[in-house]
Amino acid sequence: MPLTRRTLIGVTLSLAIALAPSGALHAASPQPAKGEHGMVVTAQHLASEAGVEVLKKGGNAVDAAVAVGYALAVVYPNAGNIGGGGFMTIRFKDGKSTFLDFRERAPLAATKIMYLDKDGNPVKGASLDGYLAVGVPGSVAGFEMAREKYGTLPRQDLMAPAIAYAKDGFILDQGDAASFASNAARLAKDPAAAAIFLKPDGKPYGAGERLLQPDLAASLAAISEKGADAFYKGAIAGAIVKASGARGGILAKADFEQYKVRELQPVSCTYRGYEITSSPPPSSGGVIICEILNVLEGYPRSYLGAGSAETVHVMVEAMRYAYVDRNSALGDPDFVDNPVSKLLDKDYAKEIRDKIDPFRAGVSQDLMPKGFGESKETTHYSIIDDDGNAVAVTYTLNGSFGAGVVADGTGILLNNEMDDFTQKPGVPNLYGLVQGEANAIQPKKTPLSSMSPTIVARDGKPFMVIGSPGGSRIITITLEAIVNVIDHGMNIQEAIDASRIHHQWLPDTIYVEPFGLSPDTEKLLAGMGYHLDLADSTWGQAAGILVGGKSLAEIEKGGGSRYNGAIDSRAASGEAIGY
């Protein structure tokens, strides 16, 4: 797909925000990308191209996902990674599904109070900046397990594009350059990071300039030759451990040597006859999406209309109840007995509906559990192949450019994922989430996540692949894209571009994107007792695929393109490419 289309998508979003009278951003959305044999949707066009080339060469969706994951580590360094971790949801052509957890783990030397001062208060920035914030990375192990167990092509073939982008460089577009510019001061604090991402004069690279990453190319080449052992048992791990020890971190060689990917059963539920497959704990994403959908299923949302006060009211109340469950009850399944079956129960959803006042806002403090005291820098990509295998991947460094540190000689940006743990019950993290003891820090434990790589099926066949970055808002971004298609009849691009709302229990606030609601709707909600935060910026960068047509109406009519891909108009450098 030509670069001009990506430019037009960004211009379209800007015009929609500036001109839309009632916030319906989808009214100006471009048409979804079309494909008959496969579709790859990512936040960086070069990574999308790498994935499509793998499909064209006969690789399956898992092969393409691995190639994209490594490529994004080079061309999308603020979130793409091999120094972080994430989740992969896979739905195979026979209808079976699985889930790979390659999320970061707490180091063996981690403690529950490691970010608190002598008075028991959080130390500002300790869980976000520098080596003490780094969790044990999982991406390389995850990609290698996925490729070995479910892929078809050699590792060298899948990593070749990433190595070439790192060794030979790639030309930055405006979206790439903007991410460097906004993080230049932070990157300048670490000499190794500054040497890669800033010019000798200390200024960030601009659009049209070429970014070379020779150290990262060497690290990737070592992984290509020797597999995961090159990262976890070789010089790369040694360099990261050395840098960590020298700069206040606690990473040890044993942390890398003992890292294991978990293969888990995905969370599943139904919504108006559609089958939802998504992420289980240690992600809260799938459970909470399903809990909210179960509540919403009892309301005639299509009749109430998108963006109406009634629709926003029931959505916010469902979010409120689900997020209190998320923040108080869920955690790493190796450490916490997660009440998943209860939270997914349709009868439990009815109990919640029965508590919702149809005319008044709820009060979050009234839901405070007894004993109770994530950002766009994640990235998501969606892929489907000619056989109907579908893969949804969300992975992250947590904050933009992670902890902002690179171990000398590796070229690898490291995560600051330890901030996703509960530093202290009742104290908000980077994304404002107030969490409890279930997510407290323990050695080898995985922090609770909101990442929600999701696949929707209909009549036993793939229907939709969807997910997004967005920190604590990932859940609601993914949820709203699903209901926009199923309940409100939007096409996949409109569903992703539409303005968003968000509520996460605490703070007791409805966050609203610019022009997300009409002034009349805002007044009605305020009259019901809601506090609205009318944001001055958008959030999330969803990537989605719809199968059989660009919308439900086209699917029902027949004759639509087999695969219809959409990258969020908020993603300046992303692209959906079909073939």
Protein backbone atom coordinates (compact mmCIF):
# COMPACT_ATOMS: atom_id res chain seq x y z
CA MET A 1 0.00 0.00 0.00
CA PRO A 2 1.52 3.40 -0.92
CA LEU A 3 2.90 5.70 1.75
CA THR A 4 0.55 8.43 0.62
CA ARG A 5 -2.36 6.51 2.12
CA ARG A 6 -0.69 6.49 5.54
CA THR A 7 -0.19 10.24 5.28
CA LEU A 8 -3.82 10.72 4.32
CA ILE A 9 -4.97 8.66 7.31
CA GLY A 10 -3.22 11.06 9.68
CA VAL A 11 -4.64 14.10 7.90
CA THR A 12 -8.10 12.55 7.94
CA LEU A 13 -7.97 12.06 11.72
CA SER A 14 -6.82 15.64 12.28
CA LEU A 15 -9.65 16.99 10.16
CA ALA A 16 -12.16 14.74 11.89
CA ILE A 17 -11.08 15.97 15.32
CA ALA A 18 -11.19 19.58 14.19
CA LEU A 19 -14.48 19.49 12.32
CA ALA A 20 -16.70 16.73 13.69
CA PRO A 21 -19.67 18.37 15.44
CA SER A 22 -20.53 15.42 17.65
CA GLY A 23 -17.25 13.57 17.88
CA ALA A 24 -17.97 10.84 15.32
CA LEU A 25 -14.39 10.40 14.14
CA HIS A 26 -15.40 7.36 12.11
CA ALA A 27 -17.37 9.57 9.71
CA ALA A 28 -14.12 10.60 8.02
CA SER A 29 -12.29 7.27 8.19
CA PRO A 30 -10.57 5.92 5.08
CA GLN A 31 -11.61 2.58 3.66
CA PRO A 32 -10.11 -0.56 5.23
CA ALA A 33 -7.25 -2.32 3.43
CA LYS A 34 -8.32 -5.33 1.38
CA GLY A 35 -6.79 -8.77 1.00
CA GLU A 36 -7.86 -12.18 -0.25
CA HIS A 37 -4.97 -14.34 0.99
CA GLY A 38 -3.66 -12.64 4.11
CA MET A 39 -3.52 -9.45 6.15
CA VAL A 40 -0.92 -7.87 8.43
CA VAL A 41 -1.70 -4.78 10.52
CA THR A 42 1.02 -3.16 12.64
CA ALA A 43 1.99 0.23 14.03
CA GLN A 44 4.98 0.58 11.66
CA HIS A 45 4.71 0.13 7.90
CA LEU A 46 8.11 -1.56 7.47
CA ALA A 47 7.14 -4.23 9.98
CA SER A 48 3.83 -4.74 8.14
CA GLU A 49 5.76 -5.22 4.90
CA ALA A 50 8.06 -7.77 6.55
CA GLY A 51 5.06 -9.76 7.78
CA VAL A 52 3.31 -9.77 4.42
CA GLU A 53 6.48 -10.94 2.67
CA VAL A 54 6.60 -13.93 5.03
CA LEU A 55 3.00 -14.82 4.15
CA LYS A 56 3.74 -14.49 0.43
CA LYS A 57 6.68 -16.89 0.83
CA GLY A 58 4.38 -19.54 2.28
CA GLY A 59 4.82 -18.85 5.98
CA ASN A 60 1.83 -19.02 8.26
CA ALA A 61 0.43 -16.35 10.58
CA VAL A 62 2.74 -17.39 13.43
CA ASP A 63 5.79 -17.08 11.16
CA ALA A 64 4.63 -13.61 10.15
CA ALA A 65 4.04 -12.67 13.80
CA VAL A 66 7.60 -13.62 14.71
CA ALA A 67 9.05 -11.67 11.79
CA VAL A 68 6.94 -8.63 12.73
CA GLY A 69 7.95 -8.87 16.39
CA TYR A 70 11.65 -8.78 15.59
CA ALA A 71 11.19 -6.07 12.95
CA LEU A 72 9.29 -3.79 15.33
CA ALA A 73 12.19 -4.06 17.79
CA VAL A 74 14.22 -2.19 15.16
CA VAL A 75 11.80 0.16 13.42
CA TYR A 76 9.48 0.95 16.35
CA PRO A 77 11.92 1.22 19.28
CA ASN A 78 9.62 3.16 21.61
CA ALA A 79 7.47 0.02 22.01
CA GLY A 80 8.67 -2.81 19.75
CA ASN A 81 11.14 -4.89 21.67
CA ILE A 82 13.34 -7.81 22.48
CA GLY A 83 14.06 -6.19 25.85
CA GLY A 84 10.46 -6.43 27.04
CA GLY A 85 7.69 -9.00 26.86
CA GLY A 86 4.10 -9.67 25.92
CA PHE A 87 1.33 -12.05 24.95
CA MET A 88 0.30 -13.95 21.82
CA THR A 89 -3.21 -15.28 21.20
CA ILE A 90 -3.40 -17.86 18.40
CA ARG A 91 -6.51 -19.29 16.77
CA PHE A 92 -5.73 -22.14 14.41
CA LYS A 93 -7.59 -22.95 11.21
CA ASP A 94 -9.28 -25.94 12.93
CA GLY A 95 -10.84 -23.64 15.54
CA LYS A 96 -8.53 -24.58 18.41
CA SER A 97 -6.69 -21.82 20.21
CA THR A 98 -3.78 -21.23 22.56
CA PHE A 99 -2.06 -18.41 24.42
CA LEU A 100 1.64 -17.73 24.97
CA ASP A 101 2.70 -15.68 27.98
CA PHE A 102 6.17 -14.24 27.41
CA ARG A 103 5.66 -11.36 29.79
CA GLU A 104 8.48 -9.98 31.93
CA ARG A 105 9.15 -11.54 35.34
CA ALA A 106 10.34 -10.00 38.60
CA PRO A 107 14.03 -10.70 39.27
CA LEU A 108 14.96 -13.28 41.91
CA ALA A 109 16.22 -10.50 44.17
CA ALA A 110 12.97 -8.51 43.95
CA THR A 111 11.08 -7.72 47.15
CA LYS A 112 7.62 -6.45 47.98
CA ILE A 113 8.99 -3.18 49.39
CA MET A 114 11.81 -2.55 46.91
CA TYR A 115 10.35 0.77 45.73
CA LEU A 116 9.47 2.15 49.17
CA ASP A 117 11.53 4.50 51.36
CA LYS A 118 12.24 4.00 55.07
CA ASP A 119 8.83 5.47 55.89
CA GLY A 120 7.01 3.06 53.60
CA ASN A 121 6.27 5.58 50.84
CA PRO A 122 7.01 5.02 47.13
CA VAL A 123 10.27 6.54 45.88
CA LYS A 124 9.42 8.72 42.90
CA GLY A 125 10.64 7.24 39.63
CA ALA A 126 12.24 4.15 41.17
CA SER A 127 9.90 1.75 39.35
CA LEU A 128 10.10 3.66 36.06
CA ASP A 129 13.64 4.88 35.42
CA GLY A 130 16.90 2.96 35.23
CA TYR A 131 17.88 -0.62 35.82
CA LEU A 132 15.95 -1.17 39.06
CA ALA A 133 12.75 -0.83 37.00
CA VAL A 134 13.68 -3.64 34.59
CA GLY A 135 11.86 -6.96 34.61
CA VAL A 136 13.40 -10.08 33.06
CA PRO A 137 12.64 -9.83 29.30
CA GLY A 138 10.56 -12.53 27.60
CA SER A 139 10.09 -11.56 23.96
CA VAL A 140 12.92 -13.63 22.46
CA ALA A 141 11.84 -16.74 24.35
CA GLY A 142 8.24 -16.15 23.31
CA PHE A 143 9.01 -15.70 19.63
CA GLU A 144 11.25 -18.74 19.60
CA MET A 145 8.69 -20.97 21.30
CA ALA A 146 5.98 -19.79 18.91
CA ARG A 147 8.17 -20.41 15.86
CA GLU A 148 9.44 -23.79 16.99
CA LYS A 149 6.03 -25.14 18.00
CA TYR A 150 3.66 -23.50 15.52
CA GLY A 151 5.69 -21.89 12.76
CA THR A 152 6.92 -23.38 9.49
CA LEU A 153 9.92 -21.31 8.35
CA PRO A 154 13.54 -21.20 9.60
CA ARG A 155 14.47 -18.58 12.19
CA GLN A 156 17.03 -17.05 9.85
CA ASP A 157 14.37 -16.30 7.24
CA LEU A 158 12.10 -14.64 9.79
CA MET A 159 14.82 -12.49 11.35
CA ALA A 160 16.47 -11.38 8.12
CA PRO A 161 14.29 -8.24 7.65
CA ALA A 162 14.95 -7.05 11.22
CA ILE A 163 18.69 -7.58 10.88
CA ALA A 164 18.74 -5.68 7.58
CA TYR A 165 16.76 -2.75 9.03
CA ALA A 166 19.20 -2.56 11.95
CA LYS A 167 22.41 -3.02 9.96
CA ASP A 168 21.58 -0.95 6.87
CA GLY A 169 19.26 1.47 8.64
CA PHE A 170 15.83 2.74 7.71
CA ILE A 171 14.49 6.16 6.81
CA LEU A 172 12.42 7.81 9.53
CA ASP A 173 9.01 9.19 8.64
CA GLN A 174 7.26 11.93 10.58
CA GLY A 175 5.68 9.56 13.07
CA ASP A 176 9.02 7.88 13.81
CA ALA A 177 10.76 11.24 14.23
CA ALA A 178 8.05 12.55 16.55
CA SER A 179 8.59 9.68 18.99
CA PHE A 180 12.32 10.44 19.17
CA ALA A 181 11.73 14.17 19.61
CA SER A 182 9.27 13.71 22.48
CA ASN A 183 11.66 11.40 24.35
CA ALA A 184 15.01 13.02 23.55
CA ALA A 185 15.60 14.41 27.05
CA ARG A 186 14.96 11.03 28.65
CA LEU A 187 17.15 9.12 26.20
CA ALA A 188 19.96 11.63 26.73
CA LYS A 189 20.28 10.50 30.37
CA ASP A 190 21.69 7.10 29.32
CA PRO A 191 24.93 7.34 27.27
CA ALA A 192 24.34 4.04 25.44
CA ALA A 193 20.77 4.98 24.49
CA ALA A 194 21.81 8.49 23.48
CA ALA A 195 24.55 7.11 21.23
CA ILE A 196 21.92 5.20 19.25
CA PHE A 197 18.88 7.46 19.15
CA LEU A 198 20.39 10.94 19.29
CA LYS A 199 22.82 12.63 16.91
CA PRO A 200 26.31 13.66 18.07
CA ASP A 201 25.00 17.15 18.81
CA GLY A 202 22.38 15.67 21.14
CA LYS A 203 19.45 16.40 18.87
CA PRO A 204 16.99 13.65 17.85
CA TYR A 205 16.96 12.25 14.34
CA GLY A 206 14.37 13.85 12.09
CA ALA A 207 12.07 12.74 9.29
CA GLY A 208 13.99 11.73 6.19
CA GLU A 209 17.13 10.77 8.13
CA ARG A 210 18.47 7.22 8.37
CA LEU A 211 18.75 5.45 11.73
CA LEU A 212 21.51 2.83 11.98
CA GLN A 213 21.65 0.35 14.88
CA PRO A 214 24.80 -1.80 14.41
CA ASP A 215 24.89 -3.15 17.99
CA LEU A 216 21.26 -4.26 17.74
CA ALA A 217 22.04 -5.84 14.36
CA ALA A 218 24.81 -7.88 16.00
CA SER A 219 22.52 -8.98 18.84
CA LEU A 220 19.82 -10.01 16.39
CA ALA A 221 22.38 -11.86 14.25
CA ALA A 222 23.52 -13.82 17.30
CA ILE A 223 19.92 -14.78 18.10
CA SER A 224 19.35 -15.72 14.45
CA GLU A 225 22.35 -18.05 14.59
CA LYS A 226 21.97 -19.58 18.04
CA GLY A 227 18.35 -19.04 19.03
CA ALA A 228 17.09 -18.02 22.46
CA ASP A 229 20.27 -19.24 24.17
CA ALA A 230 22.14 -16.34 22.55
CA PHE A 231 19.95 -13.96 24.51
CA TYR A 232 19.45 -15.82 27.80
CA LYS A 233 22.69 -17.76 28.26
CA GLY A 234 25.27 -15.83 26.28
CA ALA A 235 26.99 -12.49 25.95
CA ILE A 236 23.75 -10.50 25.68
CA ALA A 237 22.49 -11.58 29.10
CA GLY A 238 25.98 -11.07 30.50
CA ALA A 239 26.11 -7.49 29.22
CA ILE A 240 22.67 -6.66 30.63
CA VAL A 241 23.50 -8.17 34.04
CA LYS A 242 26.81 -6.30 34.16
CA ALA A 243 25.16 -2.98 33.33
CA SER A 244 22.40 -3.65 35.85
CA GLY A 245 24.86 -4.34 38.64
CA ALA A 246 26.89 -1.25 37.83
CA ARG A 247 23.87 1.06 37.75
CA GLY A 248 21.71 0.13 40.70
CA GLY A 249 19.77 -2.83 39.30
CA ILE A 250 19.27 -6.34 40.65
CA LEU A 251 19.25 -8.52 37.52
CA ALA A 252 21.32 -11.72 37.72
CA LYS A 253 22.37 -14.39 35.23
CA ALA A 254 20.02 -16.84 36.96
CA ASP A 255 17.08 -14.57 36.09
CA PHE A 256 17.80 -15.07 32.41
CA GLU A 257 18.75 -18.74 32.65
CA GLN A 258 15.53 -19.62 34.50
CA TYR A 259 13.12 -17.68 32.29
CA LYS A 260 10.35 -19.87 30.83
CA VAL A 261 7.44 -19.08 28.51
CA ARG A 262 4.04 -20.24 29.72
CA GLU A 263 1.49 -21.73 27.36
CA LEU A 264 -1.98 -21.22 28.80
CA GLN A 265 -5.61 -21.78 27.92
CA PRO A 266 -7.08 -18.51 26.63
CA VAL A 267 -10.07 -16.90 28.28
CA SER A 268 -13.25 -17.43 26.29
CA CYS A 269 -16.79 -16.11 26.46
CA THR A 270 -19.71 -15.31 24.18
CA TYR A 271 -21.34 -12.00 23.28
CA ARG A 272 -24.57 -11.99 21.30
CA GLY A 273 -23.57 -15.29 19.71
CA TYR A 274 -19.97 -14.31 18.95
CA GLU A 275 -17.11 -16.29 20.51
CA ILE A 276 -14.45 -14.14 22.21
CA THR A 277 -10.95 -15.61 22.73
CA SER A 278 -8.53 -13.44 24.67
CA SER A 279 -5.78 -13.21 27.25
CA PRO A 280 -6.01 -15.04 30.63
CA PRO A 281 -4.18 -14.07 33.84
CA PRO A 282 -1.50 -12.80 34.26
CA SER A 283 -3.32 -10.49 31.88
CA SER A 284 -6.55 -9.03 33.15
CA GLY A 285 -7.53 -8.16 29.58
CA GLY A 286 -9.58 -11.14 28.47
CA VAL A 287 -11.34 -11.61 31.80
CA ILE A 288 -12.34 -7.97 32.13
CA ILE A 289 -13.40 -7.59 28.49
CA CYS A 290 -15.64 -10.63 28.94
CA GLU A 291 -17.01 -9.37 32.27
CA ILE A 292 -17.93 -6.02 30.70
CA LEU A 293 -19.44 -7.69 27.62
CA ASN A 294 -21.53 -9.97 29.83
CA VAL A 295 -22.97 -6.91 31.57
CA LEU A 296 -23.59 -5.06 28.29
CA GLU A 297 -25.30 -8.07 26.75
CA GLY A 298 -28.36 -7.34 28.88
CA TYR A 299 -28.89 -3.91 27.30
CA PRO A 300 -30.25 -3.08 23.79
CA ARG A 301 -27.11 -1.16 22.85
CA SER A 302 -27.81 -0.99 19.13
CA TYR A 303 -31.19 0.59 19.93
CA LEU A 304 -29.66 3.05 22.42
CA GLY A 305 -27.17 4.20 19.79
CA ALA A 306 -23.43 4.88 19.79
CA GLY A 307 -22.44 7.88 21.87
CA SER A 308 -25.81 8.38 23.56
CA ALA A 309 -25.95 9.20 27.27
CA GLU A 310 -27.74 5.89 27.92
CA THR A 311 -25.02 3.92 26.11
CA VAL A 312 -22.19 5.72 27.88
CA HIS A 313 -23.93 5.25 31.23
CA VAL A 314 -24.22 1.47 30.97
CA MET A 315 -20.71 1.14 29.53
CA VAL A 316 -19.16 3.20 32.32
CA GLU A 317 -20.98 1.31 35.06
CA ALA A 318 -19.92 -2.02 33.56
CA MET A 319 -16.34 -0.73 33.40
CA ARG A 320 -16.53 0.51 37.01
CA TYR A 321 -17.55 -2.88 38.41
CA ALA A 322 -15.13 -4.82 36.19
CA TYR A 323 -12.11 -2.65 37.02
CA VAL A 324 -12.62 -2.98 40.76
CA ASP A 325 -12.51 -6.75 40.21
CA ARG A 326 -9.43 -6.35 38.04
CA ASN A 327 -7.53 -4.18 40.48
CA SER A 328 -8.34 -6.16 43.61
CA ALA A 329 -8.67 -9.83 42.65
CA LEU A 330 -6.42 -10.71 39.70
CA GLY A 331 -2.72 -11.56 39.50
CA ASP A 332 -0.13 -14.07 38.31
CA PRO A 333 -1.83 -17.51 38.32
CA ASP A 334 1.30 -19.13 39.77
CA PHE A 335 0.89 -16.95 42.87
CA VAL A 336 -2.81 -16.03 43.04
CA ASP A 337 -6.03 -18.05 42.90
CA ASN A 338 -7.83 -15.97 40.27
CA PRO A 339 -11.67 -16.07 40.48
CA VAL A 340 -11.97 -16.32 36.69
CA SER A 341 -15.01 -18.58 36.58
CA LYS A 342 -16.96 -16.21 38.84
CA LEU A 343 -16.02 -13.11 36.84
CA LEU A 344 -17.02 -14.81 33.57
CA ASP A 345 -20.36 -16.08 34.89
CA LYS A 346 -23.43 -14.62 33.15
CA ASP A 347 -25.30 -14.73 36.48
CA TYR A 348 -22.57 -12.57 38.05
CA ALA A 349 -23.09 -10.08 35.23
CA LYS A 350 -26.80 -10.00 36.02
CA GLU A 351 -25.98 -9.27 39.67
CA ILE A 352 -23.98 -6.26 38.48
CA ARG A 353 -26.79 -5.07 36.17
CA ASP A 354 -29.23 -5.29 39.05
CA LYS A 355 -27.05 -2.89 41.05
CA ILE A 356 -26.82 -0.28 38.29
CA ASP A 357 -29.17 2.68 38.76
CA PRO A 358 -30.58 3.51 35.30
CA PHE A 359 -30.67 7.22 36.10
CA ARG A 360 -27.68 7.93 38.34
CA ALA A 361 -23.92 7.48 38.29
CA GLY A 362 -22.42 4.91 40.61
CA VAL A 363 -19.85 5.87 43.26
CA SER A 364 -16.48 4.11 43.09
CA GLN A 365 -15.69 4.55 46.79
CA ASP A 366 -18.79 2.51 47.60
CA LEU A 367 -17.15 -0.46 45.86
CA MET A 368 -13.87 -0.32 47.81
CA PRO A 369 -12.88 -3.95 48.59
CA LYS A 370 -12.13 -4.93 52.17
CA GLY A 371 -8.43 -4.84 53.00
CA PHE A 372 -7.62 -2.80 49.93
CA GLY A 373 -5.39 -0.14 50.61
CA GLU A 374 -0.29 0.68 31.15
CA SER A 375 0.29 3.89 27.78
CA LYS A 376 0.54 3.93 24.07
CA GLU A 377 4.12 2.68 24.45
CA THR A 378 2.87 -0.86 24.16
CA THR A 379 2.17 -2.01 20.61
CA HIS A 380 -0.28 -4.47 19.08
CA TYR A 381 -0.39 -6.27 15.74
CA SER A 382 -2.98 -8.49 14.08
CA ILE A 383 -2.32 -11.13 11.40
CA ILE A 384 -4.33 -13.72 9.48
CA ASP A 385 -3.08 -16.08 6.76
CA ASP A 386 -4.61 -17.78 3.74
CA ASP A 387 -5.61 -20.86 5.75
CA GLY A 388 -7.45 -18.80 8.36
CA ASN A 389 -4.86 -19.08 11.14
CA ALA A 390 -5.13 -15.86 13.16
CA VAL A 391 -2.62 -14.32 15.56
CA ALA A 392 -3.01 -11.34 17.88
CA VAL A 393 0.13 -10.08 19.62
CA THR A 394 0.49 -7.31 22.19
CA TYR A 395 3.94 -6.68 23.62
CA THR A 396 5.54 -3.82 25.48
CA LEU A 397 8.42 -1.99 27.11
CA ASN A 398 5.77 -0.34 29.36
CA GLY A 399 6.67 3.37 29.20
CA SER A 400 7.93 4.97 26.00
CA PHE A 401 11.42 3.54 25.30
CA GLY A 402 10.99 1.50 28.48
CA ALA A 403 13.40 2.31 31.29
CA GLY A 404 15.36 4.48 28.87
CA VAL A 405 18.50 2.36 29.21
CA VAL A 406 20.59 0.21 26.86
CA ALA A 407 23.33 -2.15 28.08
CA ASP A 408 26.59 -1.24 26.34
CA GLY A 409 27.16 -3.18 23.13
CA THR A 410 23.70 -4.76 22.91
CA GLY A 411 21.63 -2.04 21.24
CA ILE A 412 18.63 -3.38 23.20
CA LEU A 413 16.26 -1.02 25.01
CA LEU A 414 15.13 -2.46 28.32
CA ASN A 415 11.65 -2.35 29.84
CA ASN A 416 10.37 -0.63 32.99
CA GLU A 417 7.67 -3.24 33.51
CA MET A 418 8.18 -3.51 37.26
CA ASP A 419 5.92 -0.46 37.57
CA ASP A 420 2.97 -2.70 36.68
CA PHE A 421 3.23 -4.36 40.08
CA THR A 422 1.55 -2.90 43.15
CA GLN A 423 4.26 -0.79 44.78
CA LYS A 424 1.95 -0.20 47.74
CA PRO A 425 -1.78 -1.00 47.97
CA GLY A 426 -3.81 2.10 47.18
CA VAL A 427 -0.98 3.94 45.38
CA PRO A 428 -1.54 4.50 41.62
CA ASN A 429 1.00 3.37 39.03
CA LEU A 430 2.05 5.06 35.77
CA TYR A 431 -1.46 4.58 34.36
CA GLY A 432 -3.32 5.66 37.49
CA LEU A 433 -4.32 2.10 38.38
CA VAL A 434 -4.89 1.59 42.10
CA GLN A 435 -4.19 -2.06 42.84
CA GLY A 436 -4.03 -4.51 45.73
CA GLU A 437 -2.08 -7.37 47.31
CA ALA A 438 -2.84 -9.86 44.53
CA ASN A 439 -0.40 -7.95 42.34
CA ALA A 440 2.33 -7.38 44.96
CA ILE A 441 5.96 -7.93 43.94
CA GLN A 442 7.46 -11.39 44.41
CA PRO A 443 10.51 -13.04 42.80
CA LYS A 444 9.75 -14.67 39.41
CA LYS A 445 6.22 -13.26 39.50
CA THR A 446 4.63 -11.64 36.45
CA PRO A 447 2.95 -8.25 36.96
CA LEU A 448 -0.73 -7.97 36.15
CA SER A 449 -1.31 -6.62 32.66
CA SER A 450 -4.12 -5.03 30.67
CA MET A 451 -2.87 -6.32 27.32
CA SER A 452 -5.74 -7.88 25.41
CA PRO A 453 -4.79 -9.62 22.15
CA THR A 454 -8.22 -10.85 21.10
CA ILE A 455 -9.73 -13.01 18.37
CA VAL A 456 -13.49 -13.11 17.75
CA ALA A 457 -15.17 -15.99 15.92
CA ARG A 458 -18.64 -16.43 14.45
CA ASP A 459 -20.21 -19.78 13.59
CA GLY A 460 -16.88 -21.47 14.26
CA LYS A 461 -14.91 -19.29 11.84
CA PRO A 462 -12.60 -16.32 12.45
CA PHE A 463 -14.49 -13.03 12.41
CA MET A 464 -12.24 -10.37 13.94
CA VAL A 465 -8.66 -9.95 15.18
CA ILE A 466 -8.18 -6.94 17.44
CA GLY A 467 -6.02 -5.34 20.12
CA SER A 468 -4.29 -2.11 21.02
CA PRO A 469 -1.68 -0.44 23.19
CA GLY A 470 -2.89 2.04 25.81
CA GLY A 471 -1.87 0.95 29.31
CA SER A 472 -4.91 0.56 31.54
CA ARG A 473 -7.07 1.70 28.59
CA ILE A 474 -6.14 -1.29 26.41
CA ILE A 475 -9.16 -3.18 27.74
CA THR A 476 -11.68 -0.47 26.92
CA ILE A 477 -10.10 0.34 23.53
CA THR A 478 -10.36 -3.32 22.48
CA LEU A 479 -13.85 -3.64 23.95
CA GLU A 480 -15.15 -0.54 22.15
CA ALA A 481 -13.81 -1.71 18.80
CA ILE A 482 -15.67 -5.01 19.22
CA VAL A 483 -18.99 -3.45 20.19
CA ASN A 484 -18.68 -0.76 17.51
CA VAL A 485 -18.65 -3.54 14.91
CA ILE A 486 -21.20 -5.89 16.49
CA ASP A 487 -23.65 -3.45 18.07
CA HIS A 488 -23.28 -0.26 16.06
CA GLY A 489 -22.63 -1.57 12.56
CA MET A 490 -19.41 0.34 11.94
CA ASN A 491 -16.88 -1.01 9.47
CA ILE A 492 -13.56 -2.12 10.93
CA GLN A 493 -11.78 1.18 10.19
CA GLU A 494 -14.63 3.26 11.61
CA ALA A 495 -14.84 1.04 14.68
CA ILE A 496 -11.15 1.60 15.42
CA ASP A 497 -11.12 5.32 14.61
CA ALA A 498 -14.25 6.20 16.61
CA SER A 499 -13.75 8.39 19.69
CA ARG A 500 -13.24 6.56 22.96
CA ILE A 501 -14.33 6.77 26.56
CA HIS A 502 -12.68 5.12 29.54
CA HIS A 503 -13.41 4.48 33.22
CA GLN A 504 -11.18 2.36 35.49
CA TRP A 505 -12.95 2.55 38.90
CA LEU A 506 -10.38 4.92 40.43
CA PRO A 507 -10.14 7.78 39.85
CA ASP A 508 -13.94 8.08 39.60
CA THR A 509 -13.81 9.84 36.24
CA ILE A 510 -15.02 9.27 32.69
CA TYR A 511 -12.15 10.06 30.34
CA VAL A 512 -13.36 11.28 26.95
CA GLU A 513 -11.30 11.80 23.79
CA PRO A 514 -11.52 15.17 22.01
CA PHE A 515 -15.00 15.63 20.51
CA GLY A 516 -15.86 12.15 21.77
CA LEU A 517 -19.31 13.12 22.99
CA SER A 518 -21.75 15.81 21.96
CA PRO A 519 -22.24 18.77 24.33
CA ASP A 520 -25.81 17.57 24.97
CA THR A 521 -24.57 14.12 25.99
CA GLU A 522 -21.94 15.66 28.26
CA LYS A 523 -24.63 17.72 30.01
CA LEU A 524 -26.88 14.70 30.48
CA LEU A 525 -24.03 12.66 31.98
CA ALA A 526 -23.03 15.51 34.29
CA GLY A 527 -26.64 15.70 35.41
CA MET A 528 -26.52 12.00 36.31
CA GLY A 529 -23.61 12.71 38.64
CA TYR A 530 -20.62 11.86 36.46
CA HIS A 531 -17.32 13.72 36.47
CA LEU A 532 -15.99 14.01 32.92
CA ASP A 533 -12.36 14.61 31.95
CA LEU A 534 -12.46 15.98 28.41
CA ALA A 535 -9.02 15.04 27.13
CA ASP A 536 -6.97 17.24 24.80
CA SER A 537 -5.31 14.23 23.16
CA THR A 538 -6.30 10.81 21.82
CA TRP A 539 -5.13 7.43 23.10
CA GLY A 540 -4.42 3.97 21.74
CA GLN A 541 -3.35 2.61 18.36
CA ALA A 542 -5.63 -0.34 17.62
CA ALA A 543 -4.90 -2.81 14.84
CA GLY A 544 -7.76 -4.92 13.54
CA ILE A 545 -8.91 -7.34 10.88
CA LEU A 546 -12.50 -8.21 9.91
CA VAL A 547 -13.18 -11.38 7.91
CA GLY A 548 -15.75 -11.61 5.11
CA GLY A 549 -16.40 -7.92 4.60
CA LYS A 550 -15.55 -4.50 5.95
CA SER A 551 -18.67 -4.44 8.17
CA LEU A 552 -21.44 -6.70 9.41
CA ALA A 553 -23.77 -5.30 6.75
CA GLU A 554 -21.34 -6.18 3.97
CA ILE A 555 -20.73 -9.63 5.46
CA GLU A 556 -24.47 -10.31 5.59
CA LYS A 557 -24.89 -9.07 2.03
CA GLY A 558 -21.95 -11.14 0.73
CA GLY A 559 -19.40 -10.27 -1.89
CA GLY A 560 -17.03 -8.34 0.36
CA SER A 561 -13.27 -8.80 0.44
CA ARG A 562 -12.16 -11.84 2.40
CA TYR A 563 -9.85 -9.86 4.71
CA ASN A 564 -10.32 -6.22 5.71
CA GLY A 565 -7.55 -4.59 7.73
CA ALA A 566 -7.45 -1.33 9.65
CA ILE A 567 -4.68 0.45 11.49
CA ASP A 568 -5.77 3.16 13.89
CA SER A 569 -5.72 6.63 12.38
CA ARG A 570 -3.95 7.64 15.60
CA ALA A 571 -0.92 5.57 14.51
CA ALA A 572 1.12 7.90 12.32
CA SER A 573 3.54 5.27 11.00
CA GLY A 574 1.29 2.20 10.94
CA GLU A 575 -0.16 0.34 8.01
CA ALA A 576 -2.58 -2.45 7.19
CA ILE A 577 -1.37 -4.49 4.20
CA GLY A 578 -3.30 -7.29 2.53
CA TYR A 579 -2.47 -9.47 -0.44
